Amino acid sequence: MSSTQSSANGQKRLNTACQYLGKRVQYMTSSRGGGNERSFNTIVYINATFYGSGSGTSEHASREVAANVAHGALKREHPNDPNV
């Protein structure tokens, strides 16, 4: 599995876990700079509560990092639930 494929699973895992828990996920992405210097930052909210953020050189990369951070936080809240 390539790093792109494995990282692309972050949002899917988070969305699946939140769907199971009946929670709503929101991603808010901003960018700064331009050209090769452009960077993106994504903040993840679950049910309007901040759950994590991530940065990257593309919108997709920053969303994946943020989703992985938020999913880790969600797993710590539900440590014994294999569906999370």
C-alpha atoms as a PDB file:
ATOM      1  CA  MET A   1       0.000   0.000   0.000  1.00  0.00           C
ATOM      2  CA  SER A   2       1.436   3.379  -0.932  1.00  0.00           C
ATOM      3  CA  SER A   3       1.659   6.225   1.539  1.00  0.00           C
ATOM      4  CA  THR A   4      -1.011   8.051  -0.444  1.00  0.00           C
ATOM      5  CA  GLN A   5      -3.422   5.137  -0.087  1.00  0.00           C
ATOM      6  CA  SER A   6      -2.760   4.647   3.614  1.00  0.00           C
ATOM      7  CA  SER A   7      -3.056   8.350   4.383  1.00  0.00           C
ATOM      8  CA  ALA A   8      -6.231   8.567   2.321  1.00  0.00           C
ATOM      9  CA  ASN A   9      -7.863   6.287   4.856  1.00  0.00           C
ATOM     10  CA  GLY A  10      -7.711   8.844   7.682  1.00  0.00           C
ATOM     11  CA  GLN A  11     -10.846  10.707   6.682  1.00  0.00           C
ATOM     12  CA  LYS A  12     -12.661   7.463   5.871  1.00  0.00           C
ATOM     13  CA  ARG A  13     -11.844   5.945   9.286  1.00  0.00           C
ATOM     14  CA  LEU A  14     -12.892   9.114  11.104  1.00  0.00           C
ATOM     15  CA  ASN A  15     -16.114   9.472   9.119  1.00  0.00           C
ATOM     16  CA  THR A  16     -17.001   5.794   9.677  1.00  0.00           C
ATOM     17  CA  ALA A  17     -16.353   6.032  13.433  1.00  0.00           C
ATOM     18  CA  CYS A  18     -18.412   9.208  13.724  1.00  0.00           C
ATOM     19  CA  GLN A  19     -21.247   7.705  11.706  1.00  0.00           C
ATOM     20  CA  TYR A  20     -21.247   4.714  14.077  1.00  0.00           C
ATOM     21  CA  LEU A  21     -21.317   7.051  17.104  1.00  0.00           C
ATOM     22  CA  GLY A  22     -23.969   9.306  15.562  1.00  0.00           C
ATOM     23  CA  LYS A  23     -21.617  12.294  15.516  1.00  0.00           C
ATOM     24  CA  ARG A  24     -21.130  14.943  12.846  1.00  0.00           C
ATOM     25  CA  VAL A  25     -17.681  15.765  11.416  1.00  0.00           C
ATOM     26  CA  GLN A  26     -16.733  19.166   9.993  1.00  0.00           C
ATOM     27  CA  TYR A  27     -13.467  20.084   8.285  1.00  0.00           C
ATOM     28  CA  MET A  28     -12.381  23.709   7.966  1.00  0.00           C
ATOM     29  CA  THR A  29      -9.361  24.271   5.714  1.00  0.00           C
ATOM     30  CA  SER A  30      -7.443  27.471   5.123  1.00  0.00           C
ATOM     31  CA  SER A  31      -4.369  28.187   3.043  1.00  0.00           C
ATOM     32  CA  ARG A  32      -1.633  30.756   2.948  1.00  0.00           C
ATOM     33  CA  GLY A  33       1.203  31.603   0.635  1.00  0.00           C
ATOM     34  CA  GLY A  34       1.312  30.929  -3.054  1.00  0.00           C
ATOM     35  CA  GLY A  35       3.026  28.770  -5.632  1.00  0.00           C
ATOM     36  CA  ASN A  36       5.497  26.314  -4.129  1.00  0.00           C
ATOM     37  CA  GLU A  37       5.269  28.105  -0.767  1.00  0.00           C
ATOM     38  CA  ARG A  38       1.569  27.419  -0.321  1.00  0.00           C
ATOM     39  CA  SER A  39       0.561  25.605   2.866  1.00  0.00           C
ATOM     40  CA  PHE A  40      -2.769  24.374   4.150  1.00  0.00           C
ATOM     41  CA  ASN A  41      -4.156  23.979   7.644  1.00  0.00           C
ATOM     42  CA  THR A  42      -7.271  21.977   8.490  1.00  0.00           C
ATOM     43  CA  ILE A  43      -9.218  22.011  11.742  1.00  0.00           C
ATOM     44  CA  VAL A  44     -11.590  19.151  12.592  1.00  0.00           C
ATOM     45  CA  TYR A  45     -14.715  19.594  14.683  1.00  0.00           C
ATOM     46  CA  ILE A  46     -16.879  16.702  15.870  1.00  0.00           C
ATOM     47  CA  ASN A  47     -20.329  17.822  17.009  1.00  0.00           C
ATOM     48  CA  ALA A  48     -19.000  21.408  17.073  1.00  0.00           C
ATOM     49  CA  THR A  49     -16.128  20.484  19.439  1.00  0.00           C
ATOM     50  CA  PHE A  50     -12.499  20.952  18.339  1.00  0.00           C
ATOM     51  CA  TYR A  51     -10.818  17.569  17.889  1.00  0.00           C
ATOM     52  CA  GLY A  52      -7.572  18.324  16.095  1.00  0.00           C
ATOM     53  CA  SER A  53      -5.751  20.069  13.316  1.00  0.00           C
ATOM     54  CA  GLY A  54      -3.193  19.272  10.664  1.00  0.00           C
ATOM     55  CA  SER A  55      -0.976  21.001   8.149  1.00  0.00           C
ATOM     56  CA  GLY A  56       0.261  19.954   4.740  1.00  0.00           C
ATOM     57  CA  THR A  57       1.356  21.056   1.303  1.00  0.00           C
ATOM     58  CA  SER A  58      -2.095  20.303  -0.144  1.00  0.00           C
ATOM     59  CA  GLU A  59      -5.652  20.550   1.118  1.00  0.00           C
ATOM     60  CA  HIS A  60      -5.990  16.766   0.972  1.00  0.00           C
ATOM     61  CA  ALA A  61      -2.790  16.185   2.964  1.00  0.00           C
ATOM     62  CA  SER A  62      -3.792  18.634   5.688  1.00  0.00           C
ATOM     63  CA  ARG A  63      -7.257  17.051   5.959  1.00  0.00           C
ATOM     64  CA  GLU A  64      -5.722  13.589   6.298  1.00  0.00           C
ATOM     65  CA  VAL A  65      -3.351  14.691   9.067  1.00  0.00           C
ATOM     66  CA  ALA A  66      -6.198  16.437  10.895  1.00  0.00           C
ATOM     67  CA  ALA A  67      -8.484  13.407  10.472  1.00  0.00           C
ATOM     68  CA  ASN A  68      -5.821  11.103  11.916  1.00  0.00           C
ATOM     69  CA  VAL A  69      -5.308  13.406  14.919  1.00  0.00           C
ATOM     70  CA  ALA A  70      -9.067  13.660  15.524  1.00  0.00           C
ATOM     71  CA  HIS A  71      -9.531   9.903  15.119  1.00  0.00           C
ATOM     72  CA  GLY A  72      -6.809   9.292  17.709  1.00  0.00           C
ATOM     73  CA  ALA A  73      -8.613  11.593  20.147  1.00  0.00           C
ATOM     74  CA  LEU A  74     -11.915   9.820  19.475  1.00  0.00           C
ATOM     75  CA  LYS A  75     -10.286   6.415  20.090  1.00  0.00           C
ATOM     76  CA  ARG A  76      -8.962   7.646  23.448  1.00  0.00           C
ATOM     77  CA  GLU A  77     -12.541   8.574  24.406  1.00  0.00           C
ATOM     78  CA  HIS A  78     -13.809   5.109  23.399  1.00  0.00           C
ATOM     79  CA  PRO A  79     -10.815   2.828  24.141  1.00  0.00           C
ATOM     80  CA  ASN A  80     -12.778  -0.420  24.327  1.00  0.00           C
ATOM     81  CA  ASP A  81     -15.008   0.088  21.291  1.00  0.00           C
ATOM     82  CA  PRO A  82     -13.625  -1.746  18.224  1.00  0.00           C
ATOM     83  CA  ASN A  83     -15.992   0.206  15.936  1.00  0.00           C
ATOM     84  CA  VAL A  84     -14.203   3.486  16.697  1.00  0.00           C
END
